[in-house]
Amino acid sequence: ASSSIKQPIHGLILSNTFRLGILGLAKSLAEEL
């Protein structure tokens, strides 16, 4: 992903948004799998 999973990066709003989606996906999958 990116360091933006912990702290948003100025000027990278697209990355800031979707990298956090990866983290939410991973957290859910960790439990399911």
PDB file of all heavy atoms in Angstrom:
ATOM      1  N   ALA A   1       0.845  -1.195   0.000  1.00  0.00           N
ATOM      2  CA  ALA A   1       0.000   0.000   0.000  1.00  0.00           C
ATOM      3  C   ALA A   1       0.880   1.244   0.000  1.00  0.00           C
ATOM      4  O   ALA A   1       1.622   1.486  -0.943  1.00  0.00           O
ATOM      5  CB  ALA A   1      -0.947  -0.032   1.201  1.00  0.00           C
ATOM      6  N   SER A   2       0.829   2.020   1.046  1.00  0.00           N
ATOM      7  CA  SER A   2       1.558   3.276   1.147  1.00  0.00           C
ATOM      8  C   SER A   2       1.605   3.685   2.609  1.00  0.00           C
ATOM      9  O   SER A   2       0.783   3.222   3.417  1.00  0.00           O
ATOM     10  CB  SER A   2       0.857   4.361   0.321  1.00  0.00           C
ATOM     11  OG  SER A   2       1.274   5.658   0.703  1.00  0.00           O
ATOM     12  N   SER A   3       2.528   4.564   2.943  1.00  0.00           N
ATOM     13  CA  SER A   3       2.550   5.084   4.316  1.00  0.00           C
ATOM     14  C   SER A   3       1.280   5.865   4.644  1.00  0.00           C
ATOM     15  O   SER A   3       0.991   6.133   5.814  1.00  0.00           O
ATOM     16  CB  SER A   3       3.776   5.974   4.535  1.00  0.00           C
ATOM     17  OG  SER A   3       3.738   7.112   3.687  1.00  0.00           O
ATOM     18  N   SER A   4       0.473   6.173   3.631  1.00  0.00           N
ATOM     19  CA  SER A   4      -0.783   6.894   3.870  1.00  0.00           C
ATOM     20  C   SER A   4      -1.808   6.038   4.607  1.00  0.00           C
ATOM     21  O   SER A   4      -2.847   6.549   5.032  1.00  0.00           O
ATOM     22  CB  SER A   4      -1.381   7.393   2.553  1.00  0.00           C
ATOM     23  OG  SER A   4      -1.699   6.316   1.691  1.00  0.00           O
ATOM     24  N   ILE A   5      -1.543   4.742   4.802  1.00  0.00           N
ATOM     25  CA  ILE A   5      -2.445   3.926   5.633  1.00  0.00           C
ATOM     26  C   ILE A   5      -2.362   4.348   7.095  1.00  0.00           C
ATOM     27  O   ILE A   5      -3.227   4.008   7.895  1.00  0.00           O
ATOM     28  CB  ILE A   5      -2.148   2.421   5.502  1.00  0.00           C
ATOM     29  CG1 ILE A   5      -0.714   2.103   5.929  1.00  0.00           C
ATOM     30  CG2 ILE A   5      -2.451   1.930   4.098  1.00  0.00           C
ATOM     31  CD1 ILE A   5      -0.374   0.631   5.954  1.00  0.00           C
ATOM     32  N   LYS A   6      -1.310   5.092   7.456  1.00  0.00           N
ATOM     33  CA  LYS A   6      -1.157   5.592   8.819  1.00  0.00           C
ATOM     34  C   LYS A   6      -1.284   7.110   8.913  1.00  0.00           C
ATOM     35  O   LYS A   6      -1.696   7.641   9.934  1.00  0.00           O
ATOM     36  CB  LYS A   6       0.211   5.183   9.369  1.00  0.00           C
ATOM     37  CG  LYS A   6       0.405   3.691   9.536  1.00  0.00           C
ATOM     38  CD  LYS A   6      -0.439   3.143  10.687  1.00  0.00           C
ATOM     39  CE  LYS A   6      -0.097   1.685  10.962  1.00  0.00           C
ATOM     40  NZ  LYS A   6      -0.863   1.131  12.084  1.00  0.00           N
ATOM     41  N   GLN A   7      -0.917   7.798   7.831  1.00  0.00           N
ATOM     42  CA  GLN A   7      -0.929   9.262   7.849  1.00  0.00           C
ATOM     43  C   GLN A   7      -1.110   9.766   6.424  1.00  0.00           C
ATOM     44  O   GLN A   7      -0.281   9.474   5.562  1.00  0.00           O
ATOM     45  CB  GLN A   7       0.401   9.764   8.422  1.00  0.00           C
ATOM     46  CG  GLN A   7       0.524  11.281   8.516  1.00  0.00           C
ATOM     47  CD  GLN A   7       1.803  11.651   9.252  1.00  0.00           C
ATOM     48  OE1 GLN A   7       1.946  11.402  10.445  1.00  0.00           O
ATOM     49  NE2 GLN A   7       2.761  12.222   8.533  1.00  0.00           N
ATOM     50  N   PRO A   8      -2.201  10.496   6.125  1.00  0.00           N
ATOM     51  CA  PRO A   8      -2.426  10.980   4.760  1.00  0.00           C
ATOM     52  C   PRO A   8      -1.249  11.805   4.237  1.00  0.00           C
ATOM     53  O   PRO A   8      -0.570  12.498   4.998  1.00  0.00           O
ATOM     54  CB  PRO A   8      -3.691  11.839   4.895  1.00  0.00           C
ATOM     55  CG  PRO A   8      -4.369  11.328   6.120  1.00  0.00           C
ATOM     56  CD  PRO A   8      -3.270  10.904   7.050  1.00  0.00           C
ATOM     57  N   ILE A   9      -1.034  11.709   2.934  1.00  0.00           N
ATOM     58  CA  ILE A   9       0.058  12.434   2.286  1.00  0.00           C
ATOM     59  C   ILE A   9      -0.535  13.594   1.501  1.00  0.00           C
ATOM     60  O   ILE A   9      -1.432  13.407   0.666  1.00  0.00           O
ATOM     61  CB  ILE A   9       0.847  11.513   1.350  1.00  0.00           C
ATOM     62  CG1 ILE A   9       1.425  10.324   2.139  1.00  0.00           C
ATOM     63  CG2 ILE A   9       1.970  12.286   0.649  1.00  0.00           C
ATOM     64  CD1 ILE A   9       2.055   9.261   1.258  1.00  0.00           C
ATOM     65  N   HIS A  10      -0.034  14.797   1.756  1.00  0.00           N
ATOM     66  CA  HIS A  10      -0.560  15.980   1.070  1.00  0.00           C
ATOM     67  C   HIS A  10      -0.417  15.832  -0.444  1.00  0.00           C
ATOM     68  O   HIS A  10       0.627  15.416  -0.944  1.00  0.00           O
ATOM     69  CB  HIS A  10       0.186  17.229   1.531  1.00  0.00           C
ATOM     70  CG  HIS A  10      -0.253  18.468   0.808  1.00  0.00           C
ATOM     71  ND1 HIS A  10      -1.479  19.074   1.053  1.00  0.00           N
ATOM     72  CD2 HIS A  10       0.351  19.207  -0.171  1.00  0.00           C
ATOM     73  CE1 HIS A  10      -1.604  20.132   0.270  1.00  0.00           C
ATOM     74  NE2 HIS A  10      -0.505  20.230  -0.479  1.00  0.00           N
ATOM     75  N   GLY A  11      -1.495  16.163  -1.160  1.00  0.00           N
ATOM     76  CA  GLY A  11      -1.462  16.143  -2.617  1.00  0.00           C
ATOM     77  C   GLY A  11      -1.636  14.776  -3.236  1.00  0.00           C
ATOM     78  O   GLY A  11      -1.471  14.622  -4.449  1.00  0.00           O
ATOM     79  N   LEU A  12      -2.013  13.788  -2.444  1.00  0.00           N
ATOM     80  CA  LEU A  12      -2.227  12.434  -2.976  1.00  0.00           C
ATOM     81  C   LEU A  12      -3.590  11.907  -2.516  1.00  0.00           C
ATOM     82  O   LEU A  12      -3.693  10.840  -1.928  1.00  0.00           O
ATOM     83  CB  LEU A  12      -1.118  11.480  -2.515  1.00  0.00           C
ATOM     84  CG  LEU A  12       0.271  11.700  -3.082  1.00  0.00           C
ATOM     85  CD1 LEU A  12       1.250  10.655  -2.526  1.00  0.00           C
ATOM     86  CD2 LEU A  12       0.261  11.627  -4.612  1.00  0.00           C
ATOM     87  N   ILE A  13      -4.639  12.661  -2.814  1.00  0.00           N
ATOM     88  CA  ILE A  13      -5.956  12.301  -2.276  1.00  0.00           C
ATOM     89  C   ILE A  13      -6.462  10.970  -2.813  1.00  0.00           C
ATOM     90  O   ILE A  13      -7.115  10.209  -2.087  1.00  0.00           O
ATOM     91  CB  ILE A  13      -6.992  13.428  -2.533  1.00  0.00           C
ATOM     92  CG1 ILE A  13      -8.250  13.142  -1.704  1.00  0.00           C
ATOM     93  CG2 ILE A  13      -7.287  13.593  -4.017  1.00  0.00           C
ATOM     94  CD1 ILE A  13      -9.200  14.308  -1.627  1.00  0.00           C
ATOM     95  N   LEU A  14      -6.171  10.652  -4.068  1.00  0.00           N
ATOM     96  CA  LEU A  14      -6.617   9.371  -4.608  1.00  0.00           C
ATOM     97  C   LEU A  14      -5.944   8.217  -3.859  1.00  0.00           C
ATOM     98  O   LEU A  14      -6.604   7.248  -3.459  1.00  0.00           O
ATOM     99  CB  LEU A  14      -6.306   9.278  -6.099  1.00  0.00           C
ATOM    100  CG  LEU A  14      -7.033  10.276  -7.008  1.00  0.00           C
ATOM    101  CD1 LEU A  14      -6.571  10.090  -8.454  1.00  0.00           C
ATOM    102  CD2 LEU A  14      -8.546  10.096  -6.921  1.00  0.00           C
ATOM    103  N   SER A  15      -4.656   8.311  -3.675  1.00  0.00           N
ATOM    104  CA  SER A  15      -3.924   7.275  -2.945  1.00  0.00           C
ATOM    105  C   SER A  15      -4.401   7.197  -1.495  1.00  0.00           C
ATOM    106  O   SER A  15      -4.643   6.103  -0.963  1.00  0.00           O
ATOM    107  CB  SER A  15      -2.426   7.565  -2.992  1.00  0.00           C
ATOM    108  OG  SER A  15      -1.693   6.584  -2.282  1.00  0.00           O
ATOM    109  N   ASN A  16      -4.551   8.345  -0.847  1.00  0.00           N
ATOM    110  CA  ASN A  16      -5.003   8.353   0.546  1.00  0.00           C
ATOM    111  C   ASN A  16      -6.328   7.625   0.716  1.00  0.00           C
ATOM    112  O   ASN A  16      -6.555   6.932   1.716  1.00  0.00           O
ATOM    113  CB  ASN A  16      -5.166   9.792   1.036  1.00  0.00           C
ATOM    114  CG  ASN A  16      -3.856  10.550   1.123  1.00  0.00           C
ATOM    115  OD1 ASN A  16      -2.791   9.967   1.189  1.00  0.00           O
ATOM    116  ND2 ASN A  16      -3.942  11.875   1.119  1.00  0.00           N
ATOM    117  N   THR A  17      -7.205   7.778  -0.248  1.00  0.00           N
ATOM    118  CA  THR A  17      -8.543   7.178  -0.164  1.00  0.00           C
ATOM    119  C   THR A  17      -8.513   5.675  -0.366  1.00  0.00           C
ATOM    120  O   THR A  17      -9.025   4.905   0.454  1.00  0.00           O
ATOM    121  CB  THR A  17      -9.470   7.821  -1.207  1.00  0.00           C
ATOM    122  OG1 THR A  17      -9.553   9.233  -0.977  1.00  0.00           O
ATOM    123  CG2 THR A  17     -10.860   7.212  -1.146  1.00  0.00           C
ATOM    124  N   PHE A  18      -7.887   5.227  -1.432  1.00  0.00           N
ATOM    125  CA  PHE A  18      -7.981   3.813  -1.788  1.00  0.00           C
ATOM    126  C   PHE A  18      -6.982   2.933  -1.047  1.00  0.00           C
ATOM    127  O   PHE A  18      -7.233   1.737  -0.862  1.00  0.00           O
ATOM    128  CB  PHE A  18      -7.874   3.652  -3.308  1.00  0.00           C
ATOM    129  CG  PHE A  18      -9.048   4.266  -4.012  1.00  0.00           C
ATOM    130  CD1 PHE A  18      -8.895   5.385  -4.815  1.00  0.00           C
ATOM    131  CD2 PHE A  18     -10.322   3.761  -3.838  1.00  0.00           C
ATOM    132  CE1 PHE A  18      -9.972   5.976  -5.441  1.00  0.00           C
ATOM    133  CE2 PHE A  18     -11.419   4.336  -4.462  1.00  0.00           C
ATOM    134  CZ  PHE A  18     -11.246   5.449  -5.265  1.00  0.00           C
ATOM    135  N   ARG A  19      -5.867   3.501  -0.584  1.00  0.00           N
ATOM    136  CA  ARG A  19      -4.951   2.697   0.232  1.00  0.00           C
ATOM    137  C   ARG A  19      -5.618   2.298   1.549  1.00  0.00           C
ATOM    138  O   ARG A  19      -5.397   1.202   2.061  1.00  0.00           O
ATOM    139  CB  ARG A  19      -3.676   3.471   0.535  1.00  0.00           C
ATOM    140  CG  ARG A  19      -2.908   3.976  -0.658  1.00  0.00           C
ATOM    141  CD  ARG A  19      -2.429   2.903  -1.596  1.00  0.00           C
ATOM    142  NE  ARG A  19      -1.425   3.432  -2.509  1.00  0.00           N
ATOM    143  CZ  ARG A  19      -0.897   2.768  -3.529  1.00  0.00           C
ATOM    144  NH1 ARG A  19      -1.292   1.530  -3.781  1.00  0.00           N
ATOM    145  NH2 ARG A  19       0.022   3.315  -4.316  1.00  0.00           N
ATOM    146  N   LEU A  20      -6.433   3.182   2.108  1.00  0.00           N
ATOM    147  CA  LEU A  20      -7.157   2.820   3.325  1.00  0.00           C
ATOM    148  C   LEU A  20      -8.192   1.734   3.053  1.00  0.00           C
ATOM    149  O   LEU A  20      -8.492   0.920   3.927  1.00  0.00           O
ATOM    150  CB  LEU A  20      -7.819   4.051   3.937  1.00  0.00           C
ATOM    151  CG  LEU A  20      -6.884   4.964   4.724  1.00  0.00           C
ATOM    152  CD1 LEU A  20      -7.614   6.226   5.164  1.00  0.00           C
ATOM    153  CD2 LEU A  20      -6.326   4.250   5.942  1.00  0.00           C
ATOM    154  N   GLY A  21      -8.719   1.711   1.842  1.00  0.00           N
ATOM    155  CA  GLY A  21      -9.618   0.626   1.464  1.00  0.00           C
ATOM    156  C   GLY A  21      -8.911  -0.717   1.499  1.00  0.00           C
ATOM    157  O   GLY A  21      -9.489  -1.731   1.917  1.00  0.00           O
ATOM    158  N   ILE A  22      -7.661  -0.744   1.072  1.00  0.00           N
ATOM    159  CA  ILE A  22      -6.863  -1.971   1.130  1.00  0.00           C
ATOM    160  C   ILE A  22      -6.734  -2.444   2.571  1.00  0.00           C
ATOM    161  O   ILE A  22      -6.861  -3.643   2.858  1.00  0.00           O
ATOM    162  CB  ILE A  22      -5.462  -1.728   0.526  1.00  0.00           C
ATOM    163  CG1 ILE A  22      -5.565  -1.462  -0.980  1.00  0.00           C
ATOM    164  CG2 ILE A  22      -4.536  -2.911   0.809  1.00  0.00           C
ATOM    165  CD1 ILE A  22      -4.261  -0.987  -1.599  1.00  0.00           C
ATOM    166  N   LEU A  23      -6.502  -1.513   3.465  1.00  0.00           N
ATOM    167  CA  LEU A  23      -6.328  -1.870   4.875  1.00  0.00           C
ATOM    168  C   LEU A  23      -7.615  -2.446   5.453  1.00  0.00           C
ATOM    169  O   LEU A  23      -7.596  -3.447   6.178  1.00  0.00           O
ATOM    170  CB  LEU A  23      -5.884  -0.643   5.669  1.00  0.00           C
ATOM    171  CG  LEU A  23      -5.512  -0.873   7.130  1.00  0.00           C
ATOM    172  CD1 LEU A  23      -4.455  -1.959   7.269  1.00  0.00           C
ATOM    173  CD2 LEU A  23      -5.036   0.423   7.754  1.00  0.00           C
ATOM    174  N   GLY A  24      -8.754  -1.839   5.124  1.00  0.00           N
ATOM    175  CA  GLY A  24     -10.027  -2.380   5.591  1.00  0.00           C
ATOM    176  C   GLY A  24     -10.293  -3.772   5.040  1.00  0.00           C
ATOM    177  O   GLY A  24     -10.777  -4.662   5.750  1.00  0.00           O
ATOM    178  N   LEU A  25      -9.962  -3.964   3.765  1.00  0.00           N
ATOM    179  CA  LEU A  25     -10.107  -5.282   3.141  1.00  0.00           C
ATOM    180  C   LEU A  25      -9.242  -6.309   3.860  1.00  0.00           C
ATOM    181  O   LEU A  25      -9.704  -7.417   4.187  1.00  0.00           O
ATOM    182  CB  LEU A  25      -9.706  -5.183   1.669  1.00  0.00           C
ATOM    183  CG  LEU A  25      -9.608  -6.485   0.884  1.00  0.00           C
ATOM    184  CD1 LEU A  25     -10.986  -7.109   0.703  1.00  0.00           C
ATOM    185  CD2 LEU A  25      -8.948  -6.236  -0.480  1.00  0.00           C
ATOM    186  N   ALA A  26      -7.989  -5.949   4.122  1.00  0.00           N
ATOM    187  CA  ALA A  26      -7.050  -6.882   4.746  1.00  0.00           C
ATOM    188  C   ALA A  26      -7.489  -7.257   6.157  1.00  0.00           C
ATOM    189  O   ALA A  26      -7.389  -8.425   6.563  1.00  0.00           O
ATOM    190  CB  ALA A  26      -5.655  -6.277   4.765  1.00  0.00           C
ATOM    191  N   LYS A  27      -7.962  -6.275   6.915  1.00  0.00           N
ATOM    192  CA  LYS A  27      -8.425  -6.553   8.280  1.00  0.00           C
ATOM    193  C   LYS A  27      -9.590  -7.547   8.273  1.00  0.00           C
ATOM    194  O   LYS A  27      -9.648  -8.464   9.096  1.00  0.00           O
ATOM    195  CB  LYS A  27      -8.856  -5.255   8.955  1.00  0.00           C
ATOM    196  CG  LYS A  27      -7.715  -4.412   9.493  1.00  0.00           C
ATOM    197  CD  LYS A  27      -7.118  -5.035  10.735  1.00  0.00           C
ATOM    198  CE  LYS A  27      -6.109  -4.114  11.394  1.00  0.00           C
ATOM    199  NZ  LYS A  27      -5.497  -4.746  12.591  1.00  0.00           N
ATOM    200  N   SER A  28     -10.518  -7.361   7.351  1.00  0.00           N
ATOM    201  CA  SER A  28     -11.665  -8.260   7.259  1.00  0.00           C
ATOM    202  C   SER A  28     -11.235  -9.657   6.818  1.00  0.00           C
ATOM    203  O   SER A  28     -11.674 -10.670   7.373  1.00  0.00           O
ATOM    204  CB  SER A  28     -12.695  -7.691   6.282  1.00  0.00           C
ATOM    205  OG  SER A  28     -13.191  -6.450   6.733  1.00  0.00           O
ATOM    206  N   LEU A  29     -10.360  -9.718   5.815  1.00  0.00           N
ATOM    207  CA  LEU A  29      -9.921 -11.012   5.303  1.00  0.00           C
ATOM    208  C   LEU A  29      -9.106 -11.789   6.330  1.00  0.00           C
ATOM    209  O   LEU A  29      -9.163 -13.018   6.370  1.00  0.00           O
ATOM    210  CB  LEU A  29      -9.090 -10.819   4.032  1.00  0.00           C
ATOM    211  CG  LEU A  29      -9.862 -10.440   2.770  1.00  0.00           C
ATOM    212  CD1 LEU A  29      -8.896 -10.161   1.627  1.00  0.00           C
ATOM    213  CD2 LEU A  29     -10.835 -11.547   2.375  1.00  0.00           C
ATOM    214  N   ALA A  30      -8.330 -11.070   7.135  1.00  0.00           N
ATOM    215  CA  ALA A  30      -7.528 -11.757   8.150  1.00  0.00           C
ATOM    216  C   ALA A  30      -8.409 -12.593   9.061  1.00  0.00           C
ATOM    217  O   ALA A  30      -8.052 -13.722   9.430  1.00  0.00           O
ATOM    218  CB  ALA A  30      -6.729 -10.731   8.955  1.00  0.00           C
ATOM    219  N   GLU A  31      -9.564 -12.061   9.428  1.00  0.00           N
ATOM    220  CA  GLU A  31     -10.491 -12.803  10.285  1.00  0.00           C
ATOM    221  C   GLU A  31     -11.172 -13.926   9.518  1.00  0.00           C
ATOM    222  O   GLU A  31     -11.268 -15.064   9.987  1.00  0.00           O
ATOM    223  CB  GLU A  31     -11.536 -11.861  10.869  1.00  0.00           C
ATOM    224  CG  GLU A  31     -12.530 -12.556  11.786  1.00  0.00           C
ATOM    225  CD  GLU A  31     -13.547 -11.604  12.386  1.00  0.00           C
ATOM    226  OE1 GLU A  31     -13.565 -10.426  11.989  1.00  0.00           O
ATOM    227  OE2 GLU A  31     -14.310 -12.053  13.254  1.00  0.00           O
ATOM    228  N   GLU A  32     -11.622 -13.627   8.300  1.00  0.00           N
ATOM    229  CA  GLU A  32     -12.362 -14.615   7.524  1.00  0.00           C
ATOM    230  C   GLU A  32     -11.498 -15.803   7.104  1.00  0.00           C
ATOM    231  O   GLU A  32     -11.983 -16.938   7.014  1.00  0.00           O
ATOM    232  CB  GLU A  32     -12.961 -13.950   6.282  1.00  0.00           C
ATOM    233  CG  GLU A  32     -14.058 -12.945   6.578  1.00  0.00           C
ATOM    234  CD  GLU A  32     -14.641 -12.333   5.307  1.00  0.00           C
ATOM    235  OE1 GLU A  32     -14.419 -12.902   4.220  1.00  0.00           O
ATOM    236  OE2 GLU A  32     -15.307 -11.286   5.407  1.00  0.00           O
ATOM    237  N   LEU A  33     -10.229 -15.544   6.811  1.00  0.00           N
ATOM    238  CA  LEU A  33      -9.374 -16.590   6.238  1.00  0.00           C
ATOM    239  C   LEU A  33      -8.506 -17.298   7.264  1.00  0.00           C
ATOM    240  O   LEU A  33      -7.852 -18.297   6.934  1.00  0.00           O
ATOM    241  CB  LEU A  33      -8.489 -15.989   5.142  1.00  0.00           C
ATOM    242  CG  LEU A  33      -9.239 -15.364   3.965  1.00  0.00           C
ATOM    243  CD1 LEU A  33      -8.258 -14.815   2.942  1.00  0.00           C
ATOM    244  CD2 LEU A  33     -10.171 -16.381   3.311  1.00  0.00           C
TER     245      LEU A  33
END
